[in-house]
């Protein structure tokens, strides 16, 4: 279970890094909005995953 959670967290940083790189290249505020949305979405996904795997 720890390995799955670690892999999910590792994969969650890839879109964030890509968005930051695109934001630096484009210089637009859209990337910042997308970054915040992506962070909230992945955090909620991890919380739901933890809730459903820990419930017995």
PDB file of N, CA and C in Angstrom:
ATOM      1  N   UNK A   1       0.821  -1.206   0.000  1.00  0.00           N
ATOM      2  CA  UNK A   1       0.000   0.000   0.000  1.00  0.00           C
ATOM      3  C   UNK A   1       0.859   1.263   0.000  1.00  0.00           C
ATOM      4  N   UNK A   2       1.959   1.231   0.730  1.00  0.00           N
ATOM      5  CA  UNK A   2       2.838   2.395   0.750  1.00  0.00           C
ATOM      6  C   UNK A   2       3.460   2.645  -0.614  1.00  0.00           C
ATOM      7  N   UNK A   3       3.764   1.572  -1.324  1.00  0.00           N
ATOM      8  CA  UNK A   3       4.359   1.720  -2.648  1.00  0.00           C
ATOM      9  C   UNK A   3       3.378   2.349  -3.626  1.00  0.00           C
ATOM     10  N   UNK A   4       2.111   1.950  -3.554  1.00  0.00           N
ATOM     11  CA  UNK A   4       1.090   2.517  -4.438  1.00  0.00           C
ATOM     12  C   UNK A   4       0.903   3.997  -4.146  1.00  0.00           C
ATOM     13  N   UNK A   5       0.849   4.361  -2.885  1.00  0.00           N
ATOM     14  CA  UNK A   5       0.696   5.766  -2.519  1.00  0.00           C
ATOM     15  C   UNK A   5       1.902   6.577  -2.965  1.00  0.00           C
ATOM     16  N   UNK A   6       3.082   6.008  -2.816  1.00  0.00           N
ATOM     17  CA  UNK A   6       4.294   6.703  -3.250  1.00  0.00           C
ATOM     18  C   UNK A   6       4.300   6.916  -4.763  1.00  0.00           C
ATOM     19  N   UNK A   7       3.877   5.896  -5.510  1.00  0.00           N
ATOM     20  CA  UNK A   7       3.836   6.026  -6.966  1.00  0.00           C
ATOM     21  C   UNK A   7       2.798   7.046  -7.403  1.00  0.00           C
ATOM     22  N   UNK A   8       1.670   7.091  -6.711  1.00  0.00           N
ATOM     23  CA  UNK A   8       0.658   8.095  -7.040  1.00  0.00           C
ATOM     24  C   UNK A   8       1.176   9.501  -6.783  1.00  0.00           C
ATOM     25  N   UNK A   9       1.870   9.673  -5.679  1.00  0.00           N
ATOM     26  CA  UNK A   9       2.423  10.997  -5.386  1.00  0.00           C
ATOM     27  C   UNK A   9       3.513  11.368  -6.379  1.00  0.00           C
ATOM     28  N   UNK A  10       4.309  10.397  -6.777  1.00  0.00           N
ATOM     29  CA  UNK A  10       5.362  10.665  -7.748  1.00  0.00           C
ATOM     30  C   UNK A  10       4.774  11.054  -9.098  1.00  0.00           C
ATOM     31  N   UNK A  11       3.739  10.333  -9.528  1.00  0.00           N
ATOM     32  CA  UNK A  11       3.098  10.650 -10.806  1.00  0.00           C
ATOM     33  C   UNK A  11       2.331  11.965 -10.740  1.00  0.00           C
ATOM     34  N   UNK A  12       1.914  12.369  -9.557  1.00  0.00           N
ATOM     35  CA  UNK A  12       1.145  13.605  -9.446  1.00  0.00           C
ATOM     36  C   UNK A  12       2.010  14.832  -9.665  1.00  0.00           C
ATOM     37  N   UNK A  13       3.322  14.702  -9.474  1.00  0.00           N
ATOM     38  CA  UNK A  13       4.194  15.855  -9.668  1.00  0.00           C
ATOM     39  C   UNK A  13       4.556  16.084 -11.131  1.00  0.00           C
ATOM     40  N   UNK A  14       4.379  15.070 -11.978  1.00  0.00           N
ATOM     41  CA  UNK A  14       4.752  15.227 -13.381  1.00  0.00           C
ATOM     42  C   UNK A  14       3.921  16.286 -14.103  1.00  0.00           C
ATOM     43  N   UNK A  15       2.574  16.294 -14.003  1.00  0.00           N
ATOM     44  CA  UNK A  15       1.818  17.372 -14.660  1.00  0.00           C
ATOM     45  C   UNK A  15       2.125  18.743 -14.078  1.00  0.00           C
ATOM     46  N   UNK A  16       2.429  18.793 -12.783  1.00  0.00           N
ATOM     47  CA  UNK A  16       2.739  20.074 -12.150  1.00  0.00           C
ATOM     48  C   UNK A  16       4.047  20.626 -12.704  1.00  0.00           C
ATOM     49  N   UNK A  17       5.048  19.768 -12.848  1.00  0.00           N
ATOM     50  CA  UNK A  17       6.321  20.218 -13.408  1.00  0.00           C
ATOM     51  C   UNK A  17       6.165  20.632 -14.861  1.00  0.00           C
ATOM     52  N   UNK A  18       5.358  19.886 -15.610  1.00  0.00           N
ATOM     53  CA  UNK A  18       5.114  20.240 -17.006  1.00  0.00           C
ATOM     54  C   UNK A  18       4.388  21.572 -17.108  1.00  0.00           C
ATOM     55  N   UNK A  19       3.423  21.802 -16.226  1.00  0.00           N
ATOM     56  CA  UNK A  19       2.684  23.060 -16.234  1.00  0.00           C
ATOM     57  C   UNK A  19       3.591  24.222 -15.873  1.00  0.00           C
ATOM     58  N   UNK A  20       4.461  24.027 -14.902  1.00  0.00           N
ATOM     59  CA  UNK A  20       5.402  25.088 -14.548  1.00  0.00           C
ATOM     60  C   UNK A  20       6.342  25.405 -15.706  1.00  0.00           C
ATOM     61  N   UNK A  21       6.790  24.387 -16.402  1.00  0.00           N
ATOM     62  CA  UNK A  21       7.681  24.601 -17.539  1.00  0.00           C
ATOM     63  C   UNK A  21       6.958  25.359 -18.649  1.00  0.00           C
ATOM     64  N   UNK A  22       5.712  24.986 -18.928  1.00  0.00           N
ATOM     65  CA  UNK A  22       4.939  25.690 -19.952  1.00  0.00           C
ATOM     66  C   UNK A  22       4.628  27.110 -19.521  1.00  0.00           C
ATOM     67  N   UNK A  23       4.396  27.311 -18.230  1.00  0.00           N
ATOM     68  CA  UNK A  23       4.117  28.652 -17.730  1.00  0.00           C
ATOM     69  C   UNK A  23       5.313  29.569 -17.860  1.00  0.00           C
ATOM     70  N   UNK A  24       6.500  29.015 -17.654  1.00  0.00           N
ATOM     71  CA  UNK A  24       7.712  29.817 -17.822  1.00  0.00           C
ATOM     72  C   UNK A  24       7.905  30.166 -19.300  1.00  0.00           C
ATOM     73  N   UNK A  25       7.605  29.209 -20.175  1.00  0.00           N
ATOM     74  CA  UNK A  25       7.776  29.466 -21.605  1.00  0.00           C
ATOM     75  C   UNK A  25       6.739  30.455 -22.125  1.00  0.00           C
ATOM     76  N   UNK A  26       5.484  30.272 -21.728  1.00  0.00           N
ATOM     77  CA  UNK A  26       4.410  31.116 -22.259  1.00  0.00           C
ATOM     78  C   UNK A  26       4.296  32.431 -21.496  1.00  0.00           C
ATOM     79  N   UNK A  27       4.538  32.401 -20.200  1.00  0.00           N
ATOM     80  CA  UNK A  27       4.419  33.611 -19.399  1.00  0.00           C
ATOM     81  C   UNK A  27       2.978  34.022 -19.183  1.00  0.00           C
ATOM     82  N   UNK A  28       2.068  33.075 -19.197  1.00  0.00           N
ATOM     83  CA  UNK A  28       0.655  33.408 -19.037  1.00  0.00           C
ATOM     84  C   UNK A  28       0.171  33.012 -17.652  1.00  0.00           C
ATOM     85  N   UNK A  29      -0.912  33.636 -17.228  1.00  0.00           N
ATOM     86  CA  UNK A  29      -1.481  33.320 -15.920  1.00  0.00           C
ATOM     87  C   UNK A  29      -2.377  32.088 -15.983  1.00  0.00           C
ATOM     88  N   UNK A  30      -2.682  31.607 -17.202  1.00  0.00           N
ATOM     89  CA  UNK A  30      -3.510  30.411 -17.334  1.00  0.00           C
ATOM     90  C   UNK A  30      -2.819  29.206 -16.719  1.00  0.00           C
ATOM     91  N   UNK A  31      -1.514  29.128 -16.841  1.00  0.00           N
ATOM     92  CA  UNK A  31      -0.785  27.984 -16.295  1.00  0.00           C
ATOM     93  C   UNK A  31      -0.858  27.960 -14.772  1.00  0.00           C
ATOM     94  N   UNK A  32      -0.898  29.131 -14.148  1.00  0.00           N
ATOM     95  CA  UNK A  32      -1.013  29.183 -12.690  1.00  0.00           C
ATOM     96  C   UNK A  32      -2.383  28.681 -12.241  1.00  0.00           C
ATOM     97  N   UNK A  33      -3.435  29.072 -12.963  1.00  0.00           N
ATOM     98  CA  UNK A  33      -4.783  28.597 -12.641  1.00  0.00           C
ATOM     99  C   UNK A  33      -4.862  27.088 -12.830  1.00  0.00           C
ATOM    100  N   UNK A  34      -4.296  26.593 -13.922  1.00  0.00           N
ATOM    101  CA  UNK A  34      -4.298  25.161 -14.176  1.00  0.00           C
ATOM    102  C   UNK A  34      -3.487  24.417 -13.131  1.00  0.00           C
ATOM    103  N   UNK A  35      -2.397  25.010 -12.681  1.00  0.00           N
ATOM    104  CA  UNK A  35      -1.556  24.398 -11.653  1.00  0.00           C
ATOM    105  C   UNK A  35      -2.320  24.246 -10.346  1.00  0.00           C
ATOM    106  N   UNK A  36      -3.054  25.284  -9.942  1.00  0.00           N
ATOM    107  CA  UNK A  36      -3.845  25.217  -8.712  1.00  0.00           C
ATOM    108  C   UNK A  36      -4.940  24.171  -8.839  1.00  0.00           C
ATOM    109  N   UNK A  37      -5.623  24.138  -9.994  1.00  0.00           N
ATOM    110  CA  UNK A  37      -6.681  23.161 -10.219  1.00  0.00           C
ATOM    111  C   UNK A  37      -6.127  21.743 -10.192  1.00  0.00           C
ATOM    112  N   UNK A  38      -5.001  21.541 -10.840  1.00  0.00           N
ATOM    113  CA  UNK A  38      -4.383  20.214 -10.881  1.00  0.00           C
ATOM    114  C   UNK A  38      -3.952  19.762  -9.487  1.00  0.00           C
ATOM    115  N   UNK A  39      -3.404  20.665  -8.694  1.00  0.00           N
ATOM    116  CA  UNK A  39      -2.980  20.325  -7.338  1.00  0.00           C
ATOM    117  C   UNK A  39      -4.178  19.923  -6.476  1.00  0.00           C
ATOM    118  N   UNK A  40      -5.274  20.680  -6.560  1.00  0.00           N
ATOM    119  CA  UNK A  40      -6.468  20.346  -5.787  1.00  0.00           C
ATOM    120  C   UNK A  40      -7.058  19.018  -6.230  1.00  0.00           C
ATOM    121  N   UNK A  41      -7.089  18.773  -7.528  1.00  0.00           N
ATOM    122  CA  UNK A  41      -7.645  17.527  -8.051  1.00  0.00           C
ATOM    123  C   UNK A  41      -6.837  16.327  -7.574  1.00  0.00           C
ATOM    124  N   UNK A  42      -5.520  16.421  -7.648  1.00  0.00           N
ATOM    125  CA  UNK A  42      -4.681  15.296  -7.239  1.00  0.00           C
ATOM    126  C   UNK A  42      -4.707  15.080  -5.732  1.00  0.00           C
ATOM    127  N   UNK A  43      -4.830  16.156  -4.966  1.00  0.00           N
ATOM    128  CA  UNK A  43      -4.932  16.015  -3.517  1.00  0.00           C
ATOM    129  C   UNK A  43      -6.228  15.317  -3.135  1.00  0.00           C
ATOM    130  N   UNK A  44      -7.324  15.698  -3.777  1.00  0.00           N
ATOM    131  CA  UNK A  44      -8.600  15.038  -3.496  1.00  0.00           C
ATOM    132  C   UNK A  44      -8.571  13.586  -3.935  1.00  0.00           C
ATOM    133  N   UNK A  45      -7.923  13.292  -5.049  1.00  0.00           N
ATOM    134  CA  UNK A  45      -7.831  11.917  -5.516  1.00  0.00           C
ATOM    135  C   UNK A  45      -7.059  11.064  -4.514  1.00  0.00           C
ATOM    136  N   UNK A  46      -5.971  11.604  -3.965  1.00  0.00           N
ATOM    137  CA  UNK A  46      -5.203  10.861  -2.967  1.00  0.00           C
ATOM    138  C   UNK A  46      -5.999  10.655  -1.682  1.00  0.00           C
ATOM    139  N   UNK A  47      -6.788  11.658  -1.295  1.00  0.00           N
ATOM    140  CA  UNK A  47      -7.602  11.512  -0.089  1.00  0.00           C
ATOM    141  C   UNK A  47      -8.679  10.452  -0.272  1.00  0.00           C
ATOM    142  N   UNK A  48      -9.342  10.442  -1.442  1.00  0.00           N
ATOM    143  CA  UNK A  48     -10.346   9.416  -1.703  1.00  0.00           C
ATOM    144  C   UNK A  48      -9.711   8.039  -1.763  1.00  0.00           C
ATOM    145  N   UNK A  49      -8.539   7.936  -2.374  1.00  0.00           N
ATOM    146  CA  UNK A  49      -7.844   6.656  -2.456  1.00  0.00           C
ATOM    147  C   UNK A  49      -7.484   6.151  -1.067  1.00  0.00           C
ATOM    148  N   UNK A  50      -7.009   7.040  -0.219  1.00  0.00           N
ATOM    149  CA  UNK A  50      -6.647   6.654   1.143  1.00  0.00           C
ATOM    150  C   UNK A  50      -7.889   6.243   1.941  1.00  0.00           C
ATOM    151  N   UNK A  51      -9.003   6.936   1.735  1.00  0.00           N
ATOM    152  CA  UNK A  51     -10.226   6.623   2.469  1.00  0.00           C
ATOM    153  C   UNK A  51     -10.752   5.246   2.080  1.00  0.00           C
ATOM    154  N   UNK A  52     -10.754   4.943   0.788  1.00  0.00           N
ATOM    155  CA  UNK A  52     -11.308   3.671   0.339  1.00  0.00           C
ATOM    156  C   UNK A  52     -10.380   2.501   0.621  1.00  0.00           C
ATOM    157  N   UNK A  53      -9.082   2.733   0.711  1.00  0.00           N
ATOM    158  CA  UNK A  53      -8.182   1.615   1.000  1.00  0.00           C
ATOM    159  C   UNK A  53      -8.057   1.353   2.497  1.00  0.00           C
ATOM    160  N   UNK A  54      -8.260   2.369   3.331  1.00  0.00           N
ATOM    161  CA  UNK A  54      -8.125   2.176   4.774  1.00  0.00           C
ATOM    162  C   UNK A  54      -9.396   1.664   5.429  1.00  0.00           C
ATOM    163  N   UNK A  55     -10.535   1.833   4.763  1.00  0.00           N
ATOM    164  CA  UNK A  55     -11.794   1.395   5.379  1.00  0.00           C
ATOM    165  C   UNK A  55     -11.879  -0.122   5.340  1.00  0.00           C
ATOM    166  N   UNK A  56     -12.260  -0.698   6.471  1.00  0.00           N
ATOM    167  CA  UNK A  56     -12.357  -2.158   6.555  1.00  0.00           C
ATOM    168  C   UNK A  56     -13.780  -2.562   6.800  1.00  0.00           C
TER     169      UNK A  56
END
